[in-house]
Structure formats: C-alpha cells, structure tokens
Amino acid sequence: MKYSVVIPVHNEARILPITLPTVLKFEPDEIVIVFDRCTDKSYEVARKIIRDHGFLDRFTPVFKRRPAPDWNHQLAHTRHIGFEKAKYDRILNVSSDFFLKDDPRKYLHLLGKNRIGMITYRYMDYTIFNFSSIPANILGRISKFLPIMEPFTGMYAVYKPYWKAVGGFSKEITGCEDTYIYNALKRAGFKIIYAHDVSYYNTRVKHYPERIFNIGFQYWKILRAPLWKAILRSVVRGRPHFLKGYLAARYSELR
C-alpha cells in the first residue's frame, strides 16, 4: 500500500527541520511539497532534510510563483495543486507545522473500502505554552466522547478518487479548506474514520476567532446542520465564534 504526503509550505525554513523529519520517519512513498511564493530557503532546507533521510527520489517539489486570481483562499488552491499532483490514491494531508507522534499509516489501507473517504487524526496542543487555550482544549477533548460530536482535525488522509468526486477544494471558500473537504465528503455519503490512537502536535495554535467563525459558516453552507446542533457544538467546545459564523451563514440567506 503506497501513499503520498502533501505539504503546503510558505516561508517555513525555520520550522521544517523540526517537523519534516517526523513525517519522513513514516516513510511516505511520495513527498509532494508545494512551495507557495517562498522568499526564504524553504526549498533548500526541505531538499536537504529529504536527501539526508534517503528519500530524494520520492521528492516531488511544486512551485507556486504567484497567487491564483480566481481563488478566494490561496491555501485551498495550494492544497488543491498538491492533491492533483499526488500520484497515489491515498493522500496524507500535513501542514508544515505539524509534528507527527504516531504512525499515520495504521488505517490508510481502509481508504476506498466501504466508501471510507477520510481518516482524521487526533490533535494534541502544546497547552503548557498557551494557557488561554487550555479551557477550550479540555472541553474539546471531552466532547470527542459524545456521540453527537464528530471529531475532525487538520491532519487527515483522503482517498483521491472520492476527493475528486466531490470536486476537490472549492475556489469559492474564504478559509478553512480542510473543514470544507470534510463536510463535502460527508454530505456526499462517504464515511469518515477518527483515528483516536494516532496523534500529532501542532506547533502553532490556530484557533483564532476568524478561523472558528469560518468553520461555523461552512457548518451551515455545506452541511445544512440544524441550529440545535450548532449551538451544542459551540457550547460544548467553548467556541462562541463557531455559532456566530453559523448564524451569519444561515440568516444571510433570508435577506
């Protein structure tokens, strides 16, 4: 079973020596790195790390020289390029600041079977360095034990034929491209697996209000989830901006 890993990179020369080796230790069969308008030495750093690990023949660098004018969210476009370039049907999506702890290959063989379209992994936060995020993280981890709450994180694997079947990433979205593809697969009837025993760390906290607002916005736009469910998710996870985004999307259509 072969798989591609796709990593979008924008000026990450300083963090790649910390995070990229944790991806390479799980021996991906193809390493697609999309260098998005980098002005530092991200490419040189990544290439050296991959060469030192003996995987240079598996390295597929892609260079994005300028913004895509017809895409509202450039990161969605960057990921789309990487997914299109990947030559294997099983694609592991990793951000440049992800530090992998456990082996993500554990469940990859399930992709494409019984309409399983995505595997999402357990997110661990460095809360000791981010005291303001501790309450939300505790609530978030507790919520994963509730059957009504669907766990989803930014590191996931997809089955490329199913990803293409839902149109890939959308040009229209303004953020949270990962949440978009999760919702699109789910709405199309594909199954999602949460790998609770395979975890990773995010070396940068990204739960800022605008991001959570966008996730809530898509919760209505794509899934058409009921109001009670949006309220429950917002309260249980301690994210009021999620509900604000949901309400903004839902009631803007009534005007």
C-alpha atoms as a PDB file:
ATOM      1  CA  MET A   1       0.000   0.000   0.000  1.00  0.00           C
ATOM      2  CA  LYS A   2       1.594   3.235  -1.176  1.00  0.00           C
ATOM      3  CA  TYR A   3       0.680   6.752  -0.167  1.00  0.00           C
ATOM      4  CA  SER A   4       1.593  10.340  -0.942  1.00  0.00           C
ATOM      5  CA  VAL A   5       2.054  13.050   1.648  1.00  0.00           C
ATOM      6  CA  VAL A   6       1.169  16.608   0.618  1.00  0.00           C
ATOM      7  CA  ILE A   7       2.619  19.584   2.500  1.00  0.00           C
ATOM      8  CA  PRO A   8       1.980  23.237   1.592  1.00  0.00           C
ATOM      9  CA  VAL A   9       4.868  25.493   2.588  1.00  0.00           C
ATOM     10  CA  HIS A  10       5.172  29.269   2.765  1.00  0.00           C
ATOM     11  CA  ASN A  11       8.453  30.571   4.190  1.00  0.00           C
ATOM     12  CA  GLU A  12       8.942  27.751   6.694  1.00  0.00           C
ATOM     13  CA  ALA A  13      12.726  27.338   6.577  1.00  0.00           C
ATOM     14  CA  ARG A  14      12.955  27.695  10.364  1.00  0.00           C
ATOM     15  CA  ILE A  15      10.299  25.152  11.324  1.00  0.00           C
ATOM     16  CA  LEU A  16      10.874  22.435   8.701  1.00  0.00           C
ATOM     17  CA  PRO A  17      13.962  20.996  10.472  1.00  0.00           C
ATOM     18  CA  ILE A  18      11.700  20.315  13.470  1.00  0.00           C
ATOM     19  CA  THR A  19       8.582  18.982  11.762  1.00  0.00           C
ATOM     20  CA  LEU A  20       9.554  17.430   8.418  1.00  0.00           C
ATOM     21  CA  PRO A  21      11.682  14.604   9.927  1.00  0.00           C
ATOM     22  CA  THR A  22       8.624  13.451  11.911  1.00  0.00           C
ATOM     23  CA  VAL A  23       6.798  12.955   8.602  1.00  0.00           C
ATOM     24  CA  LEU A  24       9.696  11.213   6.885  1.00  0.00           C
ATOM     25  CA  LYS A  25      10.169   8.654   9.658  1.00  0.00           C
ATOM     26  CA  PHE A  26       6.939   7.020   8.464  1.00  0.00           C
ATOM     27  CA  GLU A  27       8.444   6.507   5.001  1.00  0.00           C
ATOM     28  CA  PRO A  28       5.947   8.090   2.593  1.00  0.00           C
ATOM     29  CA  ASP A  29       6.189   6.738  -0.943  1.00  0.00           C
ATOM     30  CA  GLU A  30       5.903  10.242  -2.366  1.00  0.00           C
ATOM     31  CA  ILE A  31       6.590  13.608  -0.738  1.00  0.00           C
ATOM     32  CA  VAL A  32       4.762  16.420  -2.511  1.00  0.00           C
ATOM     33  CA  ILE A  33       5.726  19.821  -1.132  1.00  0.00           C
ATOM     34  CA  VAL A  34       4.067  22.864  -2.673  1.00  0.00           C
ATOM     35  CA  PHE A  35       6.275  25.909  -2.156  1.00  0.00           C
ATOM     36  CA  ASP A  36       3.831  28.793  -2.123  1.00  0.00           C
ATOM     37  CA  ARG A  37       5.647  32.003  -3.122  1.00  0.00           C
ATOM     38  CA  CYS A  38       8.519  31.297  -0.737  1.00  0.00           C
ATOM     39  CA  THR A  39      11.119  34.041  -0.366  1.00  0.00           C
ATOM     40  CA  ASP A  40      13.315  32.216   2.142  1.00  0.00           C
ATOM     41  CA  LYS A  41      15.280  28.968   1.793  1.00  0.00           C
ATOM     42  CA  SER A  42      12.342  26.628   2.402  1.00  0.00           C
ATOM     43  CA  TYR A  43      13.107  24.581  -0.709  1.00  0.00           C
ATOM     44  CA  GLU A  44      16.805  24.189   0.050  1.00  0.00           C
ATOM     45  CA  VAL A  45      16.087  23.230   3.671  1.00  0.00           C
ATOM     46  CA  ALA A  46      13.378  20.719   2.716  1.00  0.00           C
ATOM     47  CA  ARG A  47      15.506  19.160  -0.017  1.00  0.00           C
ATOM     48  CA  LYS A  48      18.475  18.690   2.327  1.00  0.00           C
ATOM     49  CA  ILE A  49      16.315  17.052   5.011  1.00  0.00           C
ATOM     50  CA  ILE A  50      14.726  14.709   2.471  1.00  0.00           C
ATOM     51  CA  ARG A  51      18.118  13.897   0.946  1.00  0.00           C
ATOM     52  CA  ASP A  52      19.625  13.161   4.369  1.00  0.00           C
ATOM     53  CA  HIS A  53      16.775  10.711   5.029  1.00  0.00           C
ATOM     54  CA  GLY A  54      17.444   8.936   1.727  1.00  0.00           C
ATOM     55  CA  PHE A  55      14.142   9.879   0.082  1.00  0.00           C
ATOM     56  CA  LEU A  56      15.275  12.305  -2.605  1.00  0.00           C
ATOM     57  CA  ASP A  57      13.930  10.003  -5.325  1.00  0.00           C
ATOM     58  CA  ARG A  58      10.480  10.301  -3.727  1.00  0.00           C
ATOM     59  CA  PHE A  59      10.523  14.103  -3.576  1.00  0.00           C
ATOM     60  CA  THR A  60       8.097  15.993  -5.823  1.00  0.00           C
ATOM     61  CA  PRO A  61       8.608  19.748  -5.381  1.00  0.00           C
ATOM     62  CA  VAL A  62       5.929  22.040  -6.798  1.00  0.00           C
ATOM     63  CA  PHE A  63       6.469  25.790  -7.087  1.00  0.00           C
ATOM     64  CA  LYS A  64       3.594  28.244  -6.902  1.00  0.00           C
ATOM     65  CA  ARG A  65       5.045  31.515  -8.161  1.00  0.00           C
ATOM     66  CA  ARG A  66       2.039  33.830  -7.879  1.00  0.00           C
ATOM     67  CA  PRO A  67      -1.461  33.943  -6.350  1.00  0.00           C
ATOM     68  CA  ALA A  68      -4.337  32.308  -8.204  1.00  0.00           C
ATOM     69  CA  PRO A  69      -6.641  35.249  -9.037  1.00  0.00           C
ATOM     70  CA  ASP A  70      -9.795  33.129  -9.330  1.00  0.00           C
ATOM     71  CA  TRP A  71      -9.391  31.505  -5.891  1.00  0.00           C
ATOM     72  CA  ASN A  72     -10.697  33.286  -2.794  1.00  0.00           C
ATOM     73  CA  HIS A  73      -8.466  31.308  -0.429  1.00  0.00           C
ATOM     74  CA  GLN A  74      -4.887  30.785  -1.557  1.00  0.00           C
ATOM     75  CA  LEU A  75      -4.165  27.914   0.839  1.00  0.00           C
ATOM     76  CA  ALA A  76      -7.098  25.987  -0.636  1.00  0.00           C
ATOM     77  CA  HIS A  77      -5.534  26.471  -4.066  1.00  0.00           C
ATOM     78  CA  THR A  78      -2.113  25.411  -2.778  1.00  0.00           C
ATOM     79  CA  ARG A  79      -3.501  22.199  -1.295  1.00  0.00           C
ATOM     80  CA  HIS A  80      -5.517  21.573  -4.458  1.00  0.00           C
ATOM     81  CA  ILE A  81      -2.329  21.743  -6.535  1.00  0.00           C
ATOM     82  CA  GLY A  82      -0.627  19.261  -4.226  1.00  0.00           C
ATOM     83  CA  PHE A  83      -3.516  16.805  -4.221  1.00  0.00           C
ATOM     84  CA  GLU A  84      -3.750  16.948  -8.010  1.00  0.00           C
ATOM     85  CA  LYS A  85      -0.015  16.313  -8.299  1.00  0.00           C
ATOM     86  CA  ALA A  86      -0.021  13.310  -5.942  1.00  0.00           C
ATOM     87  CA  LYS A  87       0.346  10.075  -7.887  1.00  0.00           C
ATOM     88  CA  TYR A  88      -1.068   7.698  -5.274  1.00  0.00           C
ATOM     89  CA  ASP A  89      -4.743   7.384  -4.353  1.00  0.00           C
ATOM     90  CA  ARG A  90      -4.077   7.556  -0.621  1.00  0.00           C
ATOM     91  CA  ILE A  91      -3.066  11.098   0.291  1.00  0.00           C
ATOM     92  CA  LEU A  92      -1.931  12.216   3.733  1.00  0.00           C
ATOM     93  CA  ASN A  93      -2.531  15.929   4.259  1.00  0.00           C
ATOM     94  CA  VAL A  94       0.020  17.535   6.584  1.00  0.00           C
ATOM     95  CA  SER A  95       0.723  21.185   7.361  1.00  0.00           C
ATOM     96  CA  SER A  96       4.305  22.377   7.662  1.00  0.00           C
ATOM     97  CA  ASP A  97       3.916  22.994  11.405  1.00  0.00           C
ATOM     98  CA  PHE A  98       2.608  19.507  12.278  1.00  0.00           C
ATOM     99  CA  PHE A  99       4.784  17.298  14.468  1.00  0.00           C
ATOM    100  CA  LEU A 100       3.750  13.664  13.975  1.00  0.00           C
ATOM    101  CA  LYS A 101       3.807  11.486  17.086  1.00  0.00           C
ATOM    102  CA  ASP A 102       2.234   8.208  15.926  1.00  0.00           C
ATOM    103  CA  ASP A 103       2.249   6.260  12.677  1.00  0.00           C
ATOM    104  CA  PRO A 104      -0.455   7.655  10.331  1.00  0.00           C
ATOM    105  CA  ARG A 105      -0.234   4.588   8.070  1.00  0.00           C
ATOM    106  CA  LYS A 106      -2.158   2.460  10.548  1.00  0.00           C
ATOM    107  CA  TYR A 107      -5.566   2.914   8.901  1.00  0.00           C
ATOM    108  CA  LEU A 108      -4.626   4.016   5.382  1.00  0.00           C
ATOM    109  CA  HIS A 109      -5.478   0.604   3.933  1.00  0.00           C
ATOM    110  CA  LEU A 110      -9.148   1.268   4.759  1.00  0.00           C
ATOM    111  CA  LEU A 111      -9.419   4.238   2.404  1.00  0.00           C
ATOM    112  CA  GLY A 112     -11.542   3.408  -0.620  1.00  0.00           C
ATOM    113  CA  LYS A 113     -13.197   0.420   1.067  1.00  0.00           C
ATOM    114  CA  ASN A 114     -16.882   0.525   2.045  1.00  0.00           C
ATOM    115  CA  ARG A 115     -16.998   4.185   0.928  1.00  0.00           C
ATOM    116  CA  ILE A 116     -14.442   5.284   3.513  1.00  0.00           C
ATOM    117  CA  GLY A 117     -13.202   8.589   2.142  1.00  0.00           C
ATOM    118  CA  MET A 118     -11.266  10.161   5.003  1.00  0.00           C
ATOM    119  CA  ILE A 119      -9.264   9.329   8.104  1.00  0.00           C
ATOM    120  CA  THR A 120      -8.740  12.160  10.559  1.00  0.00           C
ATOM    121  CA  TYR A 121      -6.181  12.046  13.350  1.00  0.00           C
ATOM    122  CA  ARG A 122      -6.029  13.097  16.974  1.00  0.00           C
ATOM    123  CA  TYR A 123      -4.881  16.661  17.547  1.00  0.00           C
ATOM    124  CA  MET A 124      -2.695  17.441  20.564  1.00  0.00           C
ATOM    125  CA  ASP A 125      -1.967  21.014  21.602  1.00  0.00           C
ATOM    126  CA  TYR A 126       1.035  22.426  23.426  1.00  0.00           C
ATOM    127  CA  THR A 127      -1.249  23.915  26.063  1.00  0.00           C
ATOM    128  CA  ILE A 128       1.589  24.457  28.518  1.00  0.00           C
ATOM    129  CA  PHE A 129       2.760  27.300  26.284  1.00  0.00           C
ATOM    130  CA  ASN A 130      -0.717  28.615  25.551  1.00  0.00           C
ATOM    131  CA  PHE A 131      -2.645  28.988  28.784  1.00  0.00           C
ATOM    132  CA  SER A 132      -5.544  30.832  27.140  1.00  0.00           C
ATOM    133  CA  SER A 133      -6.364  27.746  25.057  1.00  0.00           C
ATOM    134  CA  ILE A 134      -6.496  25.297  27.973  1.00  0.00           C
ATOM    135  CA  PRO A 135     -10.269  25.581  28.701  1.00  0.00           C
ATOM    136  CA  ALA A 136     -11.224  25.152  25.028  1.00  0.00           C
ATOM    137  CA  ASN A 137      -8.848  22.216  24.618  1.00  0.00           C
ATOM    138  CA  ILE A 138     -10.194  20.441  27.694  1.00  0.00           C
ATOM    139  CA  LEU A 139     -13.775  20.932  26.512  1.00  0.00           C
ATOM    140  CA  GLY A 140     -12.820  19.810  23.015  1.00  0.00           C
ATOM    141  CA  ARG A 141     -11.261  16.587  24.243  1.00  0.00           C
ATOM    142  CA  ILE A 142     -14.242  15.800  26.462  1.00  0.00           C
ATOM    143  CA  SER A 143     -16.611  16.470  23.553  1.00  0.00           C
ATOM    144  CA  LYS A 144     -14.972  13.754  21.449  1.00  0.00           C
ATOM    145  CA  PHE A 145     -16.543  11.162  23.738  1.00  0.00           C
ATOM    146  CA  LEU A 146     -20.041  12.438  22.944  1.00  0.00           C
ATOM    147  CA  PRO A 147     -21.660  10.549  20.054  1.00  0.00           C
ATOM    148  CA  ILE A 148     -23.275  13.740  18.732  1.00  0.00           C
ATOM    149  CA  MET A 149     -19.877  15.395  18.180  1.00  0.00           C
ATOM    150  CA  GLU A 150     -17.946  14.399  15.070  1.00  0.00           C
ATOM    151  CA  PRO A 151     -14.184  14.692  15.682  1.00  0.00           C
ATOM    152  CA  PHE A 152     -12.202  16.326  12.904  1.00  0.00           C
ATOM    153  CA  THR A 153      -8.730  17.837  12.833  1.00  0.00           C
ATOM    154  CA  GLY A 154      -6.437  19.439  10.280  1.00  0.00           C
ATOM    155  CA  MET A 155      -4.332  16.331   9.705  1.00  0.00           C
ATOM    156  CA  TYR A 156      -6.179  13.767   7.662  1.00  0.00           C
ATOM    157  CA  ALA A 157      -5.859  11.272   4.838  1.00  0.00           C
ATOM    158  CA  VAL A 158      -8.223  11.096   1.876  1.00  0.00           C
ATOM    159  CA  TYR A 159      -8.966   8.685  -0.933  1.00  0.00           C
ATOM    160  CA  LYS A 160      -8.170  10.693  -4.050  1.00  0.00           C
ATOM    161  CA  PRO A 161     -10.955   9.310  -6.300  1.00  0.00           C
ATOM    162  CA  TYR A 162     -13.535  10.340  -3.679  1.00  0.00           C
ATOM    163  CA  TRP A 163     -11.840  13.718  -3.216  1.00  0.00           C
ATOM    164  CA  LYS A 164     -12.130  14.278  -6.961  1.00  0.00           C
ATOM    165  CA  ALA A 165     -15.740  13.052  -6.950  1.00  0.00           C
ATOM    166  CA  VAL A 166     -16.753  15.960  -4.679  1.00  0.00           C
ATOM    167  CA  GLY A 167     -14.816  18.455  -6.796  1.00  0.00           C
ATOM    168  CA  GLY A 168     -11.742  18.825  -4.611  1.00  0.00           C
ATOM    169  CA  PHE A 169     -11.264  22.124  -2.812  1.00  0.00           C
ATOM    170  CA  SER A 170     -13.556  24.957  -3.835  1.00  0.00           C
ATOM    171  CA  LYS A 171     -12.496  28.269  -5.368  1.00  0.00           C
ATOM    172  CA  GLU A 172     -15.340  29.985  -3.549  1.00  0.00           C
ATOM    173  CA  ILE A 173     -14.416  29.334   0.081  1.00  0.00           C
ATOM    174  CA  THR A 174     -12.645  32.069   2.025  1.00  0.00           C
ATOM    175  CA  GLY A 175     -10.967  29.853   4.624  1.00  0.00           C
ATOM    176  CA  CYS A 176     -10.933  26.503   6.439  1.00  0.00           C
ATOM    177  CA  GLU A 177     -10.371  24.399   3.340  1.00  0.00           C
ATOM    178  CA  ASP A 178      -9.875  21.289   5.485  1.00  0.00           C
ATOM    179  CA  THR A 179     -13.292  21.655   7.092  1.00  0.00           C
ATOM    180  CA  TYR A 180     -14.759  22.221   3.642  1.00  0.00           C
ATOM    181  CA  ILE A 181     -13.497  18.929   2.217  1.00  0.00           C
ATOM    182  CA  TYR A 182     -14.544  17.043   5.361  1.00  0.00           C
ATOM    183  CA  ASN A 183     -18.073  18.403   5.052  1.00  0.00           C
ATOM    184  CA  ALA A 184     -18.178  17.824   1.285  1.00  0.00           C
ATOM    185  CA  LEU A 185     -17.206  14.159   1.652  1.00  0.00           C
ATOM    186  CA  LYS A 186     -19.673  13.655   4.463  1.00  0.00           C
ATOM    187  CA  ARG A 187     -22.513  15.281   2.566  1.00  0.00           C
ATOM    188  CA  ALA A 188     -21.778  13.048  -0.441  1.00  0.00           C
ATOM    189  CA  GLY A 189     -22.235   9.979   1.738  1.00  0.00           C
ATOM    190  CA  PHE A 190     -18.604   8.998   2.204  1.00  0.00           C
ATOM    191  CA  LYS A 191     -17.535   7.693   5.595  1.00  0.00           C
ATOM    192  CA  ILE A 192     -15.082   9.369   7.967  1.00  0.00           C
ATOM    193  CA  ILE A 193     -12.892   7.486  10.451  1.00  0.00           C
ATOM    194  CA  TYR A 194     -11.454   9.191  13.521  1.00  0.00           C
ATOM    195  CA  ALA A 195      -8.109   7.601  14.454  1.00  0.00           C
ATOM    196  CA  HIS A 196      -8.139   8.404  18.164  1.00  0.00           C
ATOM    197  CA  ASP A 197      -4.966   6.385  18.773  1.00  0.00           C
ATOM    198  CA  VAL A 198      -2.860   8.212  16.164  1.00  0.00           C
ATOM    199  CA  SER A 199      -1.915  11.693  17.312  1.00  0.00           C
ATOM    200  CA  TYR A 200       0.097  14.696  16.224  1.00  0.00           C
ATOM    201  CA  TYR A 201       1.052  18.077  17.640  1.00  0.00           C
ATOM    202  CA  ASN A 202       0.503  21.479  16.120  1.00  0.00           C
ATOM    203  CA  THR A 203       3.481  23.674  16.911  1.00  0.00           C
ATOM    204  CA  ARG A 204       1.401  26.793  16.301  1.00  0.00           C
ATOM    205  CA  VAL A 205      -2.038  27.459  17.753  1.00  0.00           C
ATOM    206  CA  LYS A 206      -4.595  28.284  15.043  1.00  0.00           C
ATOM    207  CA  HIS A 207      -7.836  28.538  16.982  1.00  0.00           C
ATOM    208  CA  TYR A 208      -8.151  32.255  16.400  1.00  0.00           C
ATOM    209  CA  PRO A 209     -11.662  33.765  16.127  1.00  0.00           C
ATOM    210  CA  GLU A 210     -11.681  34.253  12.340  1.00  0.00           C
ATOM    211  CA  ARG A 211     -10.850  30.590  11.739  1.00  0.00           C
ATOM    212  CA  ILE A 212     -13.538  29.325  14.113  1.00  0.00           C
ATOM    213  CA  PHE A 213     -16.043  31.746  12.539  1.00  0.00           C
ATOM    214  CA  ASN A 214     -15.296  30.274   9.092  1.00  0.00           C
ATOM    215  CA  ILE A 215     -15.742  26.723  10.376  1.00  0.00           C
ATOM    216  CA  GLY A 216     -19.169  27.655  11.739  1.00  0.00           C
ATOM    217  CA  PHE A 217     -20.014  29.414   8.470  1.00  0.00           C
ATOM    218  CA  GLN A 218     -19.330  26.232   6.498  1.00  0.00           C
ATOM    219  CA  TYR A 219     -21.273  24.133   9.004  1.00  0.00           C
ATOM    220  CA  TRP A 220     -24.418  25.679   7.549  1.00  0.00           C
ATOM    221  CA  LYS A 221     -23.303  26.380   3.976  1.00  0.00           C
ATOM    222  CA  ILE A 222     -22.188  22.828   3.249  1.00  0.00           C
ATOM    223  CA  LEU A 223     -23.819  20.520   5.795  1.00  0.00           C
ATOM    224  CA  ARG A 224     -27.038  22.475   6.459  1.00  0.00           C
ATOM    225  CA  ALA A 225     -26.767  21.298  10.045  1.00  0.00           C
ATOM    226  CA  PRO A 226     -29.690  22.152  12.360  1.00  0.00           C
ATOM    227  CA  LEU A 227     -29.463  25.103  14.734  1.00  0.00           C
ATOM    228  CA  TRP A 228     -29.603  22.977  17.889  1.00  0.00           C
ATOM    229  CA  LYS A 229     -26.557  21.032  16.775  1.00  0.00           C
ATOM    230  CA  ALA A 230     -24.589  24.207  16.046  1.00  0.00           C
ATOM    231  CA  ILE A 231     -25.466  25.566  19.491  1.00  0.00           C
ATOM    232  CA  LEU A 232     -24.415  22.309  21.139  1.00  0.00           C
ATOM    233  CA  ARG A 233     -21.055  22.237  19.353  1.00  0.00           C
ATOM    234  CA  SER A 234     -20.409  25.867  20.190  1.00  0.00           C
ATOM    235  CA  VAL A 235     -21.222  25.463  23.890  1.00  0.00           C
ATOM    236  CA  VAL A 236     -19.518  22.114  24.466  1.00  0.00           C
ATOM    237  CA  ARG A 237     -16.301  23.211  22.790  1.00  0.00           C
ATOM    238  CA  GLY A 238     -16.322  26.703  24.234  1.00  0.00           C
ATOM    239  CA  ARG A 239     -16.246  28.405  20.826  1.00  0.00           C
ATOM    240  CA  PRO A 240     -18.794  31.232  20.546  1.00  0.00           C
ATOM    241  CA  HIS A 241     -17.372  32.335  17.192  1.00  0.00           C
ATOM    242  CA  PHE A 242     -18.444  28.990  15.727  1.00  0.00           C
ATOM    243  CA  LEU A 243     -22.084  29.847  16.436  1.00  0.00           C
ATOM    244  CA  LYS A 244     -21.593  33.390  15.134  1.00  0.00           C
ATOM    245  CA  GLY A 245     -20.305  32.017  11.830  1.00  0.00           C
ATOM    246  CA  TYR A 246     -23.148  29.513  11.582  1.00  0.00           C
ATOM    247  CA  LEU A 247     -25.786  32.184  12.210  1.00  0.00           C
ATOM    248  CA  ALA A 248     -24.135  34.583   9.756  1.00  0.00           C
ATOM    249  CA  ALA A 249     -24.289  31.954   7.008  1.00  0.00           C
ATOM    250  CA  ARG A 250     -27.805  30.769   7.772  1.00  0.00           C
ATOM    251  CA  TYR A 251     -29.573  34.065   8.204  1.00  0.00           C
ATOM    252  CA  SER A 252     -27.768  35.916   5.426  1.00  0.00           C
ATOM    253  CA  GLU A 253     -29.768  33.692   3.050  1.00  0.00           C
ATOM    254  CA  LEU A 254     -33.028  35.012   4.480  1.00  0.00           C
ATOM    255  CA  ARG A 255     -32.324  38.600   3.489  1.00  0.00           C
END
